[in-house]
Amino acid sequence: MEGVNPEILRDICIVKMPFGKYEGTVLADLPVSYLEWFQRQGMPKGKLGMQLATVYEIKINGLTELLIPIRMSLKNR
């Protein structure tokens, strides 16, 4: 994903959903159906909305493998 800040990708592998049905789930692990619901209803405002929109784009475009090296580096800390 050209132009995506690597820090954003790292954050979506760390930050947990702060509310709702999937509260406590790492954003990168949210199911596509939940992200689609947000897409239809409107993403939250601010940073969380941007993060959820990024995860949505990654998942619907089959790019989840982009997150593997990030997750591996986080695991090895």
PDB file of N, CA and C in Angstrom:
ATOM      1  N   MET A   1       0.839  -1.179   0.000  1.00  0.00           N
ATOM      2  CA  MET A   1       0.000   0.000   0.000  1.00  0.00           C
ATOM      3  C   MET A   1       0.887   1.247   0.000  1.00  0.00           C
ATOM      4  N   GLU A   2       1.052   1.782  -1.147  1.00  0.00           N
ATOM      5  CA  GLU A   2       1.903   2.945  -1.314  1.00  0.00           C
ATOM      6  C   GLU A   2       1.368   4.120  -0.515  1.00  0.00           C
ATOM      7  N   GLY A   3       2.280   4.797   0.155  1.00  0.00           N
ATOM      8  CA  GLY A   3       1.910   5.985   0.900  1.00  0.00           C
ATOM      9  C   GLY A   3       1.394   5.732   2.308  1.00  0.00           C
ATOM     10  N   VAL A   4       1.322   4.465   2.744  1.00  0.00           N
ATOM     11  CA  VAL A   4       0.852   4.182   4.096  1.00  0.00           C
ATOM     12  C   VAL A   4       2.033   4.274   5.055  1.00  0.00           C
ATOM     13  N   ASN A   5       1.843   5.029   6.090  1.00  0.00           N
ATOM     14  CA  ASN A   5       2.857   5.217   7.112  1.00  0.00           C
ATOM     15  C   ASN A   5       3.083   3.888   7.839  1.00  0.00           C
ATOM     16  N   PRO A   6       4.353   3.417   7.921  1.00  0.00           N
ATOM     17  CA  PRO A   6       4.622   2.149   8.621  1.00  0.00           C
ATOM     18  C   PRO A   6       4.172   2.169  10.081  1.00  0.00           C
ATOM     19  N   GLU A   7       4.152   3.347  10.682  1.00  0.00           N
ATOM     20  CA  GLU A   7       3.698   3.461  12.073  1.00  0.00           C
ATOM     21  C   GLU A   7       2.217   3.105  12.196  1.00  0.00           C
ATOM     22  N   ILE A   8       1.435   3.468  11.190  1.00  0.00           N
ATOM     23  CA  ILE A   8       0.009   3.125  11.184  1.00  0.00           C
ATOM     24  C   ILE A   8      -0.153   1.608  11.139  1.00  0.00           C
ATOM     25  N   LEU A   9       0.633   0.955  10.292  1.00  0.00           N
ATOM     26  CA  LEU A   9       0.554  -0.507  10.191  1.00  0.00           C
ATOM     27  C   LEU A   9       0.956  -1.159  11.512  1.00  0.00           C
ATOM     28  N   ARG A  10       1.990  -0.621  12.154  1.00  0.00           N
ATOM     29  CA  ARG A  10       2.408  -1.160  13.459  1.00  0.00           C
ATOM     30  C   ARG A  10       1.298  -0.965  14.481  1.00  0.00           C
ATOM     31  N   ASP A  11       0.712   0.222  14.490  1.00  0.00           N
ATOM     32  CA  ASP A  11      -0.336   0.521  15.472  1.00  0.00           C
ATOM     33  C   ASP A  11      -1.535  -0.411  15.336  1.00  0.00           C
ATOM     34  N   ILE A  12      -1.953  -0.721  14.109  1.00  0.00           N
ATOM     35  CA  ILE A  12      -3.136  -1.584  13.964  1.00  0.00           C
ATOM     36  C   ILE A  12      -2.859  -3.016  14.390  1.00  0.00           C
ATOM     37  N   CYS A  13      -1.576  -3.344  14.569  1.00  0.00           N
ATOM     38  CA  CYS A  13      -1.210  -4.672  15.082  1.00  0.00           C
ATOM     39  C   CYS A  13      -1.082  -4.678  16.604  1.00  0.00           C
ATOM     40  N   ILE A  14      -1.214  -3.505  17.220  1.00  0.00           N
ATOM     41  CA  ILE A  14      -1.065  -3.370  18.675  1.00  0.00           C
ATOM     42  C   ILE A  14      -2.360  -2.890  19.332  1.00  0.00           C
ATOM     43  N   VAL A  15      -2.970  -1.866  18.752  1.00  0.00           N
ATOM     44  CA  VAL A  15      -4.137  -1.205  19.351  1.00  0.00           C
ATOM     45  C   VAL A  15      -5.328  -2.156  19.388  1.00  0.00           C
ATOM     46  N   LYS A  16      -6.041  -2.133  20.504  1.00  0.00           N
ATOM     47  CA  LYS A  16      -7.227  -2.978  20.665  1.00  0.00           C
ATOM     48  C   LYS A  16      -8.495  -2.138  20.519  1.00  0.00           C
ATOM     49  N   MET A  17      -9.515  -2.779  20.020  1.00  0.00           N
ATOM     50  CA  MET A  17     -10.815  -2.132  19.846  1.00  0.00           C
ATOM     51  C   MET A  17     -11.304  -1.681  21.227  1.00  0.00           C
ATOM     52  N   PRO A  18     -11.601  -0.391  21.388  1.00  0.00           N
ATOM     53  CA  PRO A  18     -11.946   0.113  22.715  1.00  0.00           C
ATOM     54  C   PRO A  18     -13.406  -0.061  23.135  1.00  0.00           C
ATOM     55  N   PHE A  19     -14.263  -0.512  22.237  1.00  0.00           N
ATOM     56  CA  PHE A  19     -15.687  -0.627  22.578  1.00  0.00           C
ATOM     57  C   PHE A  19     -16.358  -1.632  21.659  1.00  0.00           C
ATOM     58  N   GLY A  20     -17.596  -1.948  21.977  1.00  0.00           N
ATOM     59  CA  GLY A  20     -18.433  -2.758  21.101  1.00  0.00           C
ATOM     60  C   GLY A  20     -18.250  -4.253  21.246  1.00  0.00           C
ATOM     61  N   LYS A  21     -18.812  -4.945  20.304  1.00  0.00           N
ATOM     62  CA  LYS A  21     -18.846  -6.410  20.293  1.00  0.00           C
ATOM     63  C   LYS A  21     -17.453  -7.023  20.379  1.00  0.00           C
ATOM     64  N   TYR A  22     -16.477  -6.375  19.756  1.00  0.00           N
ATOM     65  CA  TYR A  22     -15.115  -6.910  19.716  1.00  0.00           C
ATOM     66  C   TYR A  22     -14.152  -6.110  20.588  1.00  0.00           C
ATOM     67  N   GLU A  23     -14.674  -5.517  21.662  1.00  0.00           N
ATOM     68  CA  GLU A  23     -13.830  -4.770  22.589  1.00  0.00           C
ATOM     69  C   GLU A  23     -12.674  -5.646  23.063  1.00  0.00           C
ATOM     70  N   GLY A  24     -11.468  -5.107  23.020  1.00  0.00           N
ATOM     71  CA  GLY A  24     -10.284  -5.843  23.459  1.00  0.00           C
ATOM     72  C   GLY A  24      -9.587  -6.627  22.355  1.00  0.00           C
ATOM     73  N   THR A  25     -10.172  -6.683  21.162  1.00  0.00           N
ATOM     74  CA  THR A  25      -9.566  -7.391  20.023  1.00  0.00           C
ATOM     75  C   THR A  25      -8.615  -6.458  19.300  1.00  0.00           C
ATOM     76  N   VAL A  26      -7.421  -6.963  18.969  1.00  0.00           N
ATOM     77  CA  VAL A  26      -6.465  -6.166  18.194  1.00  0.00           C
ATOM     78  C   VAL A  26      -7.136  -5.785  16.872  1.00  0.00           C
ATOM     79  N   LEU A  27      -6.982  -4.533  16.459  1.00  0.00           N
ATOM     80  CA  LEU A  27      -7.666  -4.034  15.266  1.00  0.00           C
ATOM     81  C   LEU A  27      -7.402  -4.911  14.039  1.00  0.00           C
ATOM     82  N   ALA A  28      -6.187  -5.381  13.875  1.00  0.00           N
ATOM     83  CA  ALA A  28      -5.842  -6.208  12.717  1.00  0.00           C
ATOM     84  C   ALA A  28      -6.566  -7.555  12.732  1.00  0.00           C
ATOM     85  N   ASP A  29      -7.097  -7.939  13.887  1.00  0.00           N
ATOM     86  CA  ASP A  29      -7.795  -9.226  14.021  1.00  0.00           C
ATOM     87  C   ASP A  29      -9.306  -9.106  13.918  1.00  0.00           C
ATOM     88  N   LEU A  30      -9.808  -7.915  13.724  1.00  0.00           N
ATOM     89  CA  LEU A  30     -11.259  -7.736  13.603  1.00  0.00           C
ATOM     90  C   LEU A  30     -11.765  -8.427  12.336  1.00  0.00           C
ATOM     91  N   PRO A  31     -12.920  -9.074  12.419  1.00  0.00           N
ATOM     92  CA  PRO A  31     -13.460  -9.737  11.227  1.00  0.00           C
ATOM     93  C   PRO A  31     -13.933  -8.729  10.174  1.00  0.00           C
ATOM     94  N   VAL A  32     -13.823  -9.129   8.934  1.00  0.00           N
ATOM     95  CA  VAL A  32     -14.220  -8.277   7.811  1.00  0.00           C
ATOM     96  C   VAL A  32     -15.679  -7.844   7.958  1.00  0.00           C
ATOM     97  N   SER A  33     -16.538  -8.735   8.412  1.00  0.00           N
ATOM     98  CA  SER A  33     -17.962  -8.389   8.544  1.00  0.00           C
ATOM     99  C   SER A  33     -18.170  -7.200   9.476  1.00  0.00           C
ATOM    100  N   TYR A  34     -17.400  -7.122  10.546  1.00  0.00           N
ATOM    101  CA  TYR A  34     -17.487  -6.000  11.487  1.00  0.00           C
ATOM    102  C   TYR A  34     -16.985  -4.724  10.833  1.00  0.00           C
ATOM    103  N   LEU A  35     -15.894  -4.817  10.086  1.00  0.00           N
ATOM    104  CA  LEU A  35     -15.344  -3.662   9.385  1.00  0.00           C
ATOM    105  C   LEU A  35     -16.294  -3.192   8.283  1.00  0.00           C
ATOM    106  N   GLU A  36     -16.962  -4.132   7.621  1.00  0.00           N
ATOM    107  CA  GLU A  36     -17.957  -3.782   6.599  1.00  0.00           C
ATOM    108  C   GLU A  36     -19.128  -3.038   7.233  1.00  0.00           C
ATOM    109  N   TRP A  37     -19.515  -3.461   8.418  1.00  0.00           N
ATOM    110  CA  TRP A  37     -20.600  -2.782   9.125  1.00  0.00           C
ATOM    111  C   TRP A  37     -20.217  -1.329   9.392  1.00  0.00           C
ATOM    112  N   PHE A  38     -18.999  -1.110   9.885  1.00  0.00           N
ATOM    113  CA  PHE A  38     -18.528   0.257  10.114  1.00  0.00           C
ATOM    114  C   PHE A  38     -18.483   1.042   8.811  1.00  0.00           C
ATOM    115  N   GLN A  39     -18.062   0.397   7.737  1.00  0.00           N
ATOM    116  CA  GLN A  39     -17.994   1.071   6.442  1.00  0.00           C
ATOM    117  C   GLN A  39     -19.383   1.565   6.020  1.00  0.00           C
ATOM    118  N   ARG A  40     -20.393   0.738   6.272  1.00  0.00           N
ATOM    119  CA  ARG A  40     -21.766   1.124   5.922  1.00  0.00           C
ATOM    120  C   ARG A  40     -22.322   2.196   6.858  1.00  0.00           C
ATOM    121  N   GLN A  41     -22.042   2.063   8.143  1.00  0.00           N
ATOM    122  CA  GLN A  41     -22.607   2.963   9.153  1.00  0.00           C
ATOM    123  C   GLN A  41     -21.822   4.263   9.285  1.00  0.00           C
ATOM    124  N   GLY A  42     -20.557   4.202   8.913  1.00  0.00           N
ATOM    125  CA  GLY A  42     -19.652   5.341   9.092  1.00  0.00           C
ATOM    126  C   GLY A  42     -18.599   4.999  10.123  1.00  0.00           C
ATOM    127  N   MET A  43     -17.367   5.177   9.725  1.00  0.00           N
ATOM    128  CA  MET A  43     -16.254   4.903  10.639  1.00  0.00           C
ATOM    129  C   MET A  43     -16.267   5.934  11.761  1.00  0.00           C
ATOM    130  N   PRO A  44     -15.763   5.542  12.936  1.00  0.00           N
ATOM    131  CA  PRO A  44     -15.643   6.528  14.020  1.00  0.00           C
ATOM    132  C   PRO A  44     -14.757   7.694  13.584  1.00  0.00           C
ATOM    133  N   LYS A  45     -14.908   8.800  14.217  1.00  0.00           N
ATOM    134  CA  LYS A  45     -14.094   9.982  13.929  1.00  0.00           C
ATOM    135  C   LYS A  45     -12.679   9.783  14.487  1.00  0.00           C
ATOM    136  N   GLY A  46     -11.750  10.503  13.939  1.00  0.00           N
ATOM    137  CA  GLY A  46     -10.397  10.557  14.483  1.00  0.00           C
ATOM    138  C   GLY A  46      -9.509   9.389  14.106  1.00  0.00           C
ATOM    139  N   LYS A  47      -8.514   9.190  14.951  1.00  0.00           N
ATOM    140  CA  LYS A  47      -7.468   8.193  14.691  1.00  0.00           C
ATOM    141  C   LYS A  47      -8.038   6.780  14.596  1.00  0.00           C
ATOM    142  N   LEU A  48      -8.960   6.422  15.488  1.00  0.00           N
ATOM    143  CA  LEU A  48      -9.536   5.078  15.449  1.00  0.00           C
ATOM    144  C   LEU A  48     -10.226   4.824  14.117  1.00  0.00           C
ATOM    145  N   GLY A  49     -10.976   5.788  13.628  1.00  0.00           N
ATOM    146  CA  GLY A  49     -11.646   5.634  12.345  1.00  0.00           C
ATOM    147  C   GLY A  49     -10.662   5.415  11.212  1.00  0.00           C
ATOM    148  N   MET A  50      -9.559   6.161  11.235  1.00  0.00           N
ATOM    149  CA  MET A  50      -8.523   6.001  10.216  1.00  0.00           C
ATOM    150  C   MET A  50      -7.886   4.611  10.310  1.00  0.00           C
ATOM    151  N   GLN A  51      -7.652   4.156  11.530  1.00  0.00           N
ATOM    152  CA  GLN A  51      -7.066   2.826  11.722  1.00  0.00           C
ATOM    153  C   GLN A  51      -8.022   1.735  11.229  1.00  0.00           C
ATOM    154  N   LEU A  52      -9.295   1.848  11.573  1.00  0.00           N
ATOM    155  CA  LEU A  52     -10.276   0.859  11.126  1.00  0.00           C
ATOM    156  C   LEU A  52     -10.418   0.872   9.608  1.00  0.00           C
ATOM    157  N   ALA A  53     -10.403   2.048   9.012  1.00  0.00           N
ATOM    158  CA  ALA A  53     -10.487   2.149   7.554  1.00  0.00           C
ATOM    159  C   ALA A  53      -9.267   1.501   6.899  1.00  0.00           C
ATOM    160  N   THR A  54      -8.112   1.644   7.514  1.00  0.00           N
ATOM    161  CA  THR A  54      -6.889   1.026   6.991  1.00  0.00           C
ATOM    162  C   THR A  54      -6.981  -0.494   7.063  1.00  0.00           C
ATOM    163  N   VAL A  55      -7.441  -1.018   8.197  1.00  0.00           N
ATOM    164  CA  VAL A  55      -7.600  -2.473   8.328  1.00  0.00           C
ATOM    165  C   VAL A  55      -8.609  -2.977   7.304  1.00  0.00           C
ATOM    166  N   TYR A  56      -9.696  -2.254   7.131  1.00  0.00           N
ATOM    167  CA  TYR A  56     -10.720  -2.624   6.153  1.00  0.00           C
ATOM    168  C   TYR A  56     -10.112  -2.719   4.758  1.00  0.00           C
ATOM    169  N   GLU A  57      -9.377  -1.718   4.342  1.00  0.00           N
ATOM    170  CA  GLU A  57      -8.761  -1.718   3.007  1.00  0.00           C
ATOM    171  C   GLU A  57      -7.766  -2.870   2.847  1.00  0.00           C
ATOM    172  N   ILE A  58      -6.982  -3.109   3.883  1.00  0.00           N
ATOM    173  CA  ILE A  58      -6.012  -4.210   3.840  1.00  0.00           C
ATOM    174  C   ILE A  58      -6.746  -5.532   3.643  1.00  0.00           C
ATOM    175  N   LYS A  59      -7.790  -5.749   4.418  1.00  0.00           N
ATOM    176  CA  LYS A  59      -8.494  -7.037   4.366  1.00  0.00           C
ATOM    177  C   LYS A  59      -9.270  -7.231   3.064  1.00  0.00           C
ATOM    178  N   ILE A  60      -9.983  -6.215   2.602  1.00  0.00           N
ATOM    179  CA  ILE A  60     -10.783  -6.422   1.385  1.00  0.00           C
ATOM    180  C   ILE A  60      -9.924  -6.536   0.133  1.00  0.00           C
ATOM    181  N   ASN A  61      -8.685  -6.050   0.222  1.00  0.00           N
ATOM    182  CA  ASN A  61      -7.785  -6.149  -0.922  1.00  0.00           C
ATOM    183  C   ASN A  61      -6.807  -7.312  -0.811  1.00  0.00           C
ATOM    184  N   GLY A  62      -7.022  -8.186   0.186  1.00  0.00           N
ATOM    185  CA  GLY A  62      -6.191  -9.374   0.327  1.00  0.00           C
ATOM    186  C   GLY A  62      -4.739  -9.076   0.646  1.00  0.00           C
ATOM    187  N   LEU A  63      -4.500  -8.044   1.436  1.00  0.00           N
ATOM    188  CA  LEU A  63      -3.132  -7.627   1.734  1.00  0.00           C
ATOM    189  C   LEU A  63      -2.701  -7.921   3.168  1.00  0.00           C
ATOM    190  N   THR A  64      -3.375  -8.847   3.824  1.00  0.00           N
ATOM    191  CA  THR A  64      -3.055  -9.118   5.228  1.00  0.00           C
ATOM    192  C   THR A  64      -1.629  -9.621   5.425  1.00  0.00           C
ATOM    193  N   GLU A  65      -1.025 -10.165   4.367  1.00  0.00           N
ATOM    194  CA  GLU A  65       0.360 -10.635   4.502  1.00  0.00           C
ATOM    195  C   GLU A  65       1.325  -9.475   4.755  1.00  0.00           C
ATOM    196  N   LEU A  66       0.920  -8.245   4.459  1.00  0.00           N
ATOM    197  CA  LEU A  66       1.746  -7.075   4.782  1.00  0.00           C
ATOM    198  C   LEU A  66       1.996  -6.960   6.287  1.00  0.00           C
ATOM    199  N   LEU A  67       1.078  -7.477   7.064  1.00  0.00           N
ATOM    200  CA  LEU A  67       1.170  -7.341   8.513  1.00  0.00           C
ATOM    201  C   LEU A  67       2.020  -8.431   9.159  1.00  0.00           C
ATOM    202  N   ILE A  68       2.314  -9.501   8.444  1.00  0.00           N
ATOM    203  CA  ILE A  68       3.066 -10.627   9.023  1.00  0.00           C
ATOM    204  C   ILE A  68       4.428 -10.199   9.552  1.00  0.00           C
ATOM    205  N   PRO A  69       5.274  -9.517   8.754  1.00  0.00           N
ATOM    206  CA  PRO A  69       6.579  -9.129   9.305  1.00  0.00           C
ATOM    207  C   PRO A  69       6.468  -8.176  10.486  1.00  0.00           C
ATOM    208  N   ILE A  70       5.462  -7.325  10.475  1.00  0.00           N
ATOM    209  CA  ILE A  70       5.261  -6.385  11.591  1.00  0.00           C
ATOM    210  C   ILE A  70       4.914  -7.162  12.851  1.00  0.00           C
ATOM    211  N   ARG A  71       4.009  -8.106  12.705  1.00  0.00           N
ATOM    212  CA  ARG A  71       3.589  -8.909  13.869  1.00  0.00           C
ATOM    213  C   ARG A  71       4.742  -9.760  14.391  1.00  0.00           C
ATOM    214  N   MET A  72       5.552 -10.272  13.488  1.00  0.00           N
ATOM    215  CA  MET A  72       6.708 -11.075  13.891  1.00  0.00           C
ATOM    216  C   MET A  72       7.703 -10.211  14.687  1.00  0.00           C
ATOM    217  N   SER A  73       7.944  -8.996  14.230  1.00  0.00           N
ATOM    218  CA  SER A  73       8.879  -8.112  14.933  1.00  0.00           C
ATOM    219  C   SER A  73       8.328  -7.730  16.310  1.00  0.00           C
ATOM    220  N   LEU A  74       7.017  -7.573  16.418  1.00  0.00           N
ATOM    221  CA  LEU A  74       6.415  -7.251  17.709  1.00  0.00           C
ATOM    222  C   LEU A  74       6.487  -8.437  18.668  1.00  0.00           C
ATOM    223  N   LYS A  75       6.337  -9.632  18.111  1.00  0.00           N
ATOM    224  CA  LYS A  75       6.381 -10.849  18.919  1.00  0.00           C
ATOM    225  C   LYS A  75       7.786 -11.091  19.479  1.00  0.00           C
ATOM    226  N   ASN A  76       8.797 -10.697  18.711  1.00  0.00           N
ATOM    227  CA  ASN A  76      10.189 -10.938  19.103  1.00  0.00           C
ATOM    228  C   ASN A  76      10.738  -9.889  20.049  1.00  0.00           C
ATOM    229  N   ARG A  77       9.913  -8.989  20.511  1.00  0.00           N
ATOM    230  CA  ARG A  77      10.362  -7.950  21.460  1.00  0.00           C
ATOM    231  C   ARG A  77      10.466  -8.482  22.843  1.00  0.00           C
TER     232      ARG A  77
END
